[in-house]
Amino acid sequence: MNAAQPPLRTILFVPGNDRRKIGKALGLGATAVMLDLEDAVAASEKAAARAIVCESALTAGAALIGVRINSPASGLAEADLDALAPALSRIALITVPMVEGPDEIRHVAGRLDELERMSGLPEGGVALLAMAETARGVLAAREIAESSPRLRTFIFGPADLGRELGVEPTAEGIEYLHARSAIVLAARAAGKQGPVDGPYLKLDDDEGCAVSSNWARRLGFQGKVVLHPRQLPIAAAAFATSERELAWAREVDRAFAEAEASGLSSIKLADGTFVDDPVAQRARAILRASDR
């Protein structure tokens, strides 16, 4: 189920208590808009934000809507989920922050089962994204990835992990190489989509955002979280399929189909590229993603 869904190239996070920013974000063309009930909302604003998020989801039109709830450990997640029940039919994604083990995802998935049944909705309509943003969460990524069919993939969280590890995030992200690769491998081993990379935190540094986005793609991420509209086109460009890639994929698909018809299991293209079934499958995946 998860692997067949269109990729999440850009996820724009917006404070859940700011109607103006939410309204603007819905028209900016992000793959998904994530209405935030966690870090972007002060404790005194949580109740008001729940009402605004619910109302915004119901009136969002065709935009793909997600909501980041508070962590189960915070004691606030239950109230978040209960408040979202009237809008579940319009919420595609729920992000669970600070996930450190499979039980947190199972708990949220179980609550969604109950809420969907109570609302008369098909079970499993809301997918989950688990934020890997602590050392424990990264090390438990394999178990988390296998915790629930609702789990679509991970979001990598650089800010909290950097604080815990005592490292300064950079555009190249070498300080996070092991952690990022670990969650890519865990997601793929469990049959999930590639993870979504966390935000580049220097909002005025367009070049750094481009470097960060391109490195994330090279490591196997499917897209990136952005915190400001100016980062949207930068991240989108990094994860878009280029004309060169499409041309390569079409040539591989055509040549390998001809080879298969002739009883061959591998070929060499005119430029010397070796092509066998795994290479052909990658090319065909590129073409399918481009069609979507």
Protein backbone atom coordinates (compact mmCIF):
# COMPACT_ATOMS: atom_id res chain seq x y z
CA MET A 1 0.00 0.00 0.00
CA ASN A 2 2.63 2.52 1.06
CA ALA A 3 5.07 1.89 -1.77
CA ALA A 4 2.38 2.52 -4.41
CA GLN A 5 1.39 5.98 -3.16
CA PRO A 6 2.63 9.07 -5.00
CA PRO A 7 5.82 10.49 -3.47
CA LEU A 8 5.75 13.27 -0.90
CA ARG A 9 8.19 15.66 -2.59
CA THR A 10 7.51 18.67 -0.37
CA ILE A 11 5.72 18.91 2.99
CA LEU A 12 5.12 22.48 4.13
CA PHE A 13 4.72 22.78 7.91
CA VAL A 14 2.41 25.55 9.16
CA PRO A 15 1.49 26.59 12.73
CA GLY A 16 -1.92 25.14 13.51
CA ASN A 17 -3.11 28.27 15.31
CA ASP A 18 -2.45 30.71 12.44
CA ARG A 19 -5.40 30.92 10.03
CA ARG A 20 -3.64 33.42 7.78
CA LYS A 21 -0.56 31.26 7.26
CA ILE A 22 -2.69 28.15 6.78
CA GLY A 23 -4.79 29.87 4.12
CA LYS A 24 -1.68 31.03 2.29
CA ALA A 25 0.05 27.64 2.53
CA LEU A 26 -2.88 25.82 0.94
CA GLY A 27 -2.35 27.71 -2.31
CA LEU A 28 1.42 27.35 -2.66
CA GLY A 29 1.54 23.99 -4.41
CA ALA A 30 3.29 21.88 -1.78
CA THR A 31 2.70 18.15 -2.13
CA ALA A 32 1.21 18.21 1.38
CA VAL A 33 0.48 20.89 3.97
CA MET A 34 1.20 19.76 7.53
CA LEU A 35 -0.82 21.67 10.12
CA ASP A 36 1.29 21.63 13.26
CA LEU A 37 -0.14 21.13 16.75
CA GLU A 38 3.25 20.41 18.34
CA ASP A 39 6.33 22.65 18.42
CA ALA A 40 4.81 25.55 16.47
CA VAL A 41 2.00 26.03 19.01
CA ALA A 42 2.45 27.33 22.56
CA ALA A 43 0.87 25.32 25.38
CA SER A 44 -1.69 28.05 26.00
CA GLU A 45 -2.79 27.88 22.33
CA LYS A 46 -3.19 24.11 21.97
CA ALA A 47 -6.98 24.00 22.41
CA ALA A 48 -7.57 26.89 20.01
CA ALA A 49 -5.20 25.34 17.47
CA ARG A 50 -7.12 22.06 17.49
CA ALA A 51 -10.30 23.86 16.51
CA ILE A 52 -8.56 25.86 13.79
CA VAL A 53 -6.87 22.77 12.35
CA CYS A 54 -10.13 20.85 12.25
CA GLU A 55 -11.93 23.73 10.54
CA SER A 56 -9.06 24.27 8.08
CA ALA A 57 -8.94 20.59 7.10
CA LEU A 58 -12.67 20.57 6.36
CA THR A 59 -12.44 23.64 4.12
CA ALA A 60 -9.07 22.99 2.44
CA GLY A 61 -10.38 22.00 -0.97
CA ALA A 62 -8.17 19.62 -2.92
CA ALA A 63 -4.98 20.13 -0.92
CA LEU A 64 -3.40 17.08 0.69
CA ILE A 65 -3.69 17.76 4.42
CA GLY A 66 -1.63 16.37 7.24
CA VAL A 67 -1.55 17.15 10.96
CA ARG A 68 1.38 16.82 13.34
CA ILE A 69 -0.04 15.87 16.70
CA ASN A 70 1.81 16.09 19.99
CA SER A 71 3.83 13.06 21.03
CA PRO A 72 2.03 10.28 22.90
CA ALA A 73 4.47 10.79 25.78
CA SER A 74 3.35 14.42 26.17
CA GLY A 75 -0.13 13.46 27.33
CA LEU A 76 -1.64 15.73 24.66
CA ALA A 77 -1.99 13.31 21.75
CA GLU A 78 -5.33 11.88 22.90
CA ALA A 79 -6.95 15.31 22.96
CA ASP A 80 -5.45 16.09 19.55
CA LEU A 81 -6.87 12.93 17.99
CA ASP A 82 -10.29 13.36 19.58
CA ALA A 83 -10.47 16.93 18.28
CA LEU A 84 -9.55 15.81 14.76
CA ALA A 85 -12.29 13.16 14.57
CA PRO A 86 -14.81 15.37 12.68
CA ALA A 87 -12.22 16.10 9.99
CA LEU A 88 -10.66 12.65 9.53
CA SER A 89 -12.26 12.25 6.12
CA ARG A 90 -10.13 15.19 4.90
CA ILE A 91 -6.89 14.33 6.70
CA ALA A 92 -4.52 12.12 4.72
CA LEU A 93 -1.54 12.07 7.06
CA ILE A 94 -0.87 12.28 10.77
CA THR A 95 2.72 12.89 11.85
CA VAL A 96 3.74 11.43 15.20
CA PRO A 97 6.76 13.25 16.69
CA MET A 98 9.51 11.92 18.94
CA VAL A 99 8.81 8.27 18.13
CA GLU A 100 11.22 6.00 19.98
CA GLY A 101 9.57 2.60 19.61
CA PRO A 102 6.82 0.67 17.83
CA ASP A 103 4.29 0.91 20.66
CA GLU A 104 3.77 4.64 20.09
CA ILE A 105 2.79 4.05 16.46
CA ARG A 106 0.61 1.09 17.39
CA HIS A 107 -1.18 3.21 19.96
CA VAL A 108 -1.94 6.04 17.55
CA ALA A 109 -2.96 3.55 14.86
CA GLY A 110 -5.33 1.86 17.30
CA ARG A 111 -6.94 5.17 18.25
CA LEU A 112 -7.41 5.98 14.56
CA ASP A 113 -9.07 2.58 14.07
CA GLU A 114 -11.58 3.50 16.78
CA LEU A 115 -12.19 7.03 15.50
CA GLU A 116 -12.71 5.90 11.92
CA ARG A 117 -15.21 3.25 13.03
CA MET A 118 -17.08 5.81 15.14
CA SER A 119 -17.16 8.22 12.19
CA GLY A 120 -18.29 5.59 9.70
CA LEU A 121 -15.11 5.91 7.66
CA PRO A 122 -13.18 3.11 5.95
CA GLU A 123 -10.46 1.79 8.23
CA GLY A 124 -6.93 2.79 7.29
CA GLY A 125 -7.74 5.99 5.44
CA VAL A 126 -5.33 8.09 7.48
CA ALA A 127 -1.66 7.21 7.07
CA LEU A 128 1.03 7.82 9.69
CA LEU A 129 4.45 9.42 9.43
CA ALA A 130 6.86 8.67 12.28
CA MET A 131 9.41 11.32 13.17
CA ALA A 132 12.87 9.86 13.81
CA GLU A 133 14.46 12.65 15.81
CA THR A 134 16.18 11.00 18.76
CA ALA A 135 19.00 8.50 19.06
CA ARG A 136 16.58 5.91 20.45
CA GLY A 137 14.20 6.51 17.57
CA VAL A 138 16.90 6.05 14.94
CA LEU A 139 18.18 2.85 16.57
CA ALA A 140 14.62 1.46 16.77
CA ALA A 141 13.77 2.43 13.19
CA ARG A 142 13.44 -1.17 11.93
CA GLU A 143 10.91 -2.10 14.63
CA ILE A 144 9.02 1.18 14.14
CA ALA A 145 8.86 0.63 10.37
CA GLU A 146 7.23 -2.76 10.90
CA SER A 147 4.81 -1.58 13.61
CA SER A 148 1.65 -0.86 11.58
CA PRO A 149 0.25 -1.02 8.04
CA ARG A 150 -0.78 2.60 8.57
CA LEU A 151 2.83 3.74 8.73
CA ARG A 152 3.75 5.25 5.38
CA THR A 153 7.34 6.17 6.20
CA PHE A 154 9.56 8.34 8.43
CA ILE A 155 10.30 12.02 8.64
CA PHE A 156 13.86 12.74 9.74
CA GLY A 157 14.12 15.35 12.52
CA PRO A 158 17.49 17.15 12.48
CA ALA A 159 16.88 19.78 15.17
CA ASP A 160 16.11 17.53 18.13
CA LEU A 161 18.64 14.90 17.08
CA GLY A 162 21.33 17.56 16.67
CA ARG A 163 20.63 18.88 20.14
CA GLU A 164 20.83 15.38 21.61
CA LEU A 165 24.02 14.46 19.77
CA GLY A 166 25.67 17.84 20.32
CA VAL A 167 26.29 18.45 16.62
CA GLU A 168 25.63 21.47 14.44
CA PRO A 169 23.50 20.71 11.36
CA THR A 170 25.16 21.58 8.05
CA ALA A 171 23.86 21.73 4.50
CA GLU A 172 25.89 18.66 3.47
CA GLY A 173 24.62 16.78 6.54
CA ILE A 174 27.68 14.55 6.99
CA GLU A 175 27.04 14.65 10.75
CA TYR A 176 23.74 12.82 10.11
CA LEU A 177 24.94 10.38 7.45
CA HIS A 178 24.57 7.27 9.59
CA ALA A 179 21.21 8.29 11.07
CA ARG A 180 19.72 9.24 7.70
CA SER A 181 20.93 6.06 6.03
CA ALA A 182 19.61 3.97 8.92
CA ILE A 183 16.04 5.21 8.51
CA VAL A 184 16.19 4.88 4.71
CA LEU A 185 17.25 1.24 5.09
CA ALA A 186 14.65 0.56 7.79
CA ALA A 187 11.83 2.03 5.73
CA ARG A 188 12.77 0.15 2.58
CA ALA A 189 13.35 -3.14 4.39
CA ALA A 190 9.80 -2.91 5.75
CA GLY A 191 8.37 -2.19 2.28
CA LYS A 192 7.65 1.47 2.97
CA GLN A 193 8.40 4.49 0.82
CA GLY A 194 11.70 6.30 1.26
CA PRO A 195 11.64 8.72 4.20
CA VAL A 196 11.06 12.46 3.99
CA ASP A 197 14.08 14.53 4.98
CA GLY A 198 13.70 17.12 7.71
CA PRO A 199 13.89 20.86 7.12
CA TYR A 200 16.94 22.91 6.35
CA LEU A 201 16.86 25.29 9.29
CA LYS A 202 18.61 28.34 7.79
CA LEU A 203 15.57 29.82 6.09
CA ASP A 204 17.44 32.61 4.25
CA ASP A 205 20.13 30.32 2.81
CA ASP A 206 18.75 29.20 -0.55
CA GLU A 207 22.03 27.62 -1.67
CA GLY A 208 22.28 25.63 1.54
CA CYS A 209 18.68 24.44 1.12
CA ALA A 210 19.51 23.22 -2.40
CA VAL A 211 22.62 21.39 -1.18
CA SER A 212 20.70 19.79 1.69
CA SER A 213 17.85 18.72 -0.60
CA ASN A 214 20.16 17.22 -3.21
CA TRP A 215 22.10 15.25 -0.62
CA ALA A 216 18.84 13.91 0.82
CA ARG A 217 17.75 12.68 -2.58
CA ARG A 218 21.10 10.98 -3.17
CA LEU A 219 20.70 9.12 0.13
CA GLY A 220 17.28 7.72 -0.83
CA PHE A 221 14.79 10.22 0.62
CA GLN A 222 11.61 10.85 -1.36
CA GLY A 223 11.17 14.51 -0.43
CA LYS A 224 11.79 17.23 2.12
CA VAL A 225 10.03 19.17 4.85
CA VAL A 226 10.07 22.93 4.32
CA LEU A 227 9.34 25.61 6.91
CA HIS A 228 9.08 28.65 4.64
CA PRO A 229 7.46 29.16 1.22
CA ARG A 230 10.76 30.34 -0.30
CA GLN A 231 12.16 26.83 0.25
CA LEU A 232 9.35 25.12 -1.68
CA PRO A 233 10.64 25.56 -5.24
CA ILE A 234 14.18 24.72 -4.15
CA ALA A 235 13.20 21.40 -2.57
CA ALA A 236 10.75 20.58 -5.36
CA ALA A 237 13.45 21.10 -7.99
CA ALA A 238 15.88 18.82 -6.15
CA PHE A 239 13.41 15.94 -6.04
CA ALA A 240 11.87 16.41 -9.48
CA THR A 241 12.73 13.92 -12.20
CA SER A 242 14.97 15.65 -14.73
CA GLU A 243 14.62 15.35 -18.49
CA ARG A 244 17.97 13.56 -18.55
CA GLU A 245 16.72 10.96 -16.08
CA LEU A 246 13.50 10.49 -18.03
CA ALA A 247 15.40 10.05 -21.28
CA TRP A 248 17.67 7.47 -19.63
CA ALA A 249 14.70 5.61 -18.16
CA ARG A 250 12.86 5.51 -21.50
CA GLU A 251 15.94 4.21 -23.28
CA VAL A 252 16.57 1.52 -20.65
CA ASP A 253 12.90 0.45 -20.70
CA ARG A 254 12.80 0.26 -24.50
CA ALA A 255 16.11 -1.57 -24.88
CA PHE A 256 15.47 -4.04 -22.08
CA ALA A 257 11.98 -4.86 -23.37
CA GLU A 258 13.51 -5.69 -26.74
CA ALA A 259 16.19 -7.80 -25.05
CA GLU A 260 13.62 -9.71 -23.01
CA ALA A 261 11.63 -10.43 -26.16
CA SER A 262 14.80 -11.88 -27.67
CA GLY A 263 15.46 -14.07 -24.63
CA LEU A 264 18.28 -11.96 -23.18
CA SER A 265 18.50 -11.13 -19.46
CA SER A 266 21.11 -8.37 -19.70
CA ILE A 267 22.36 -5.89 -22.28
CA LYS A 268 24.85 -3.08 -22.76
CA LEU A 269 23.58 0.29 -23.95
CA ALA A 270 25.36 2.32 -26.59
CA ASP A 271 27.04 4.43 -23.89
CA GLY A 272 28.39 1.32 -22.18
CA THR A 273 25.82 1.14 -19.35
CA PHE A 274 25.17 -2.42 -18.17
CA VAL A 275 21.46 -3.15 -17.80
CA ASP A 276 19.89 -6.15 -16.13
CA ASP A 277 16.55 -6.62 -14.39
CA PRO A 278 17.26 -4.46 -11.28
CA VAL A 279 18.42 -1.57 -13.49
CA ALA A 280 15.36 -1.95 -15.72
CA GLN A 281 13.05 -2.01 -12.71
CA ARG A 282 14.61 1.22 -11.44
CA ALA A 283 14.06 2.85 -14.82
CA ARG A 284 10.44 1.73 -14.86
CA ALA A 285 9.92 3.07 -11.33
CA ILE A 286 11.18 6.46 -12.52
CA LEU A 287 8.68 6.41 -15.39
CA ARG A 288 5.80 5.43 -13.09
CA ALA A 289 6.65 8.21 -10.65
CA SER A 290 6.82 10.70 -13.54
CA ASP A 291 3.38 9.59 -14.76
CA ARG A 292 1.92 10.22 -11.29
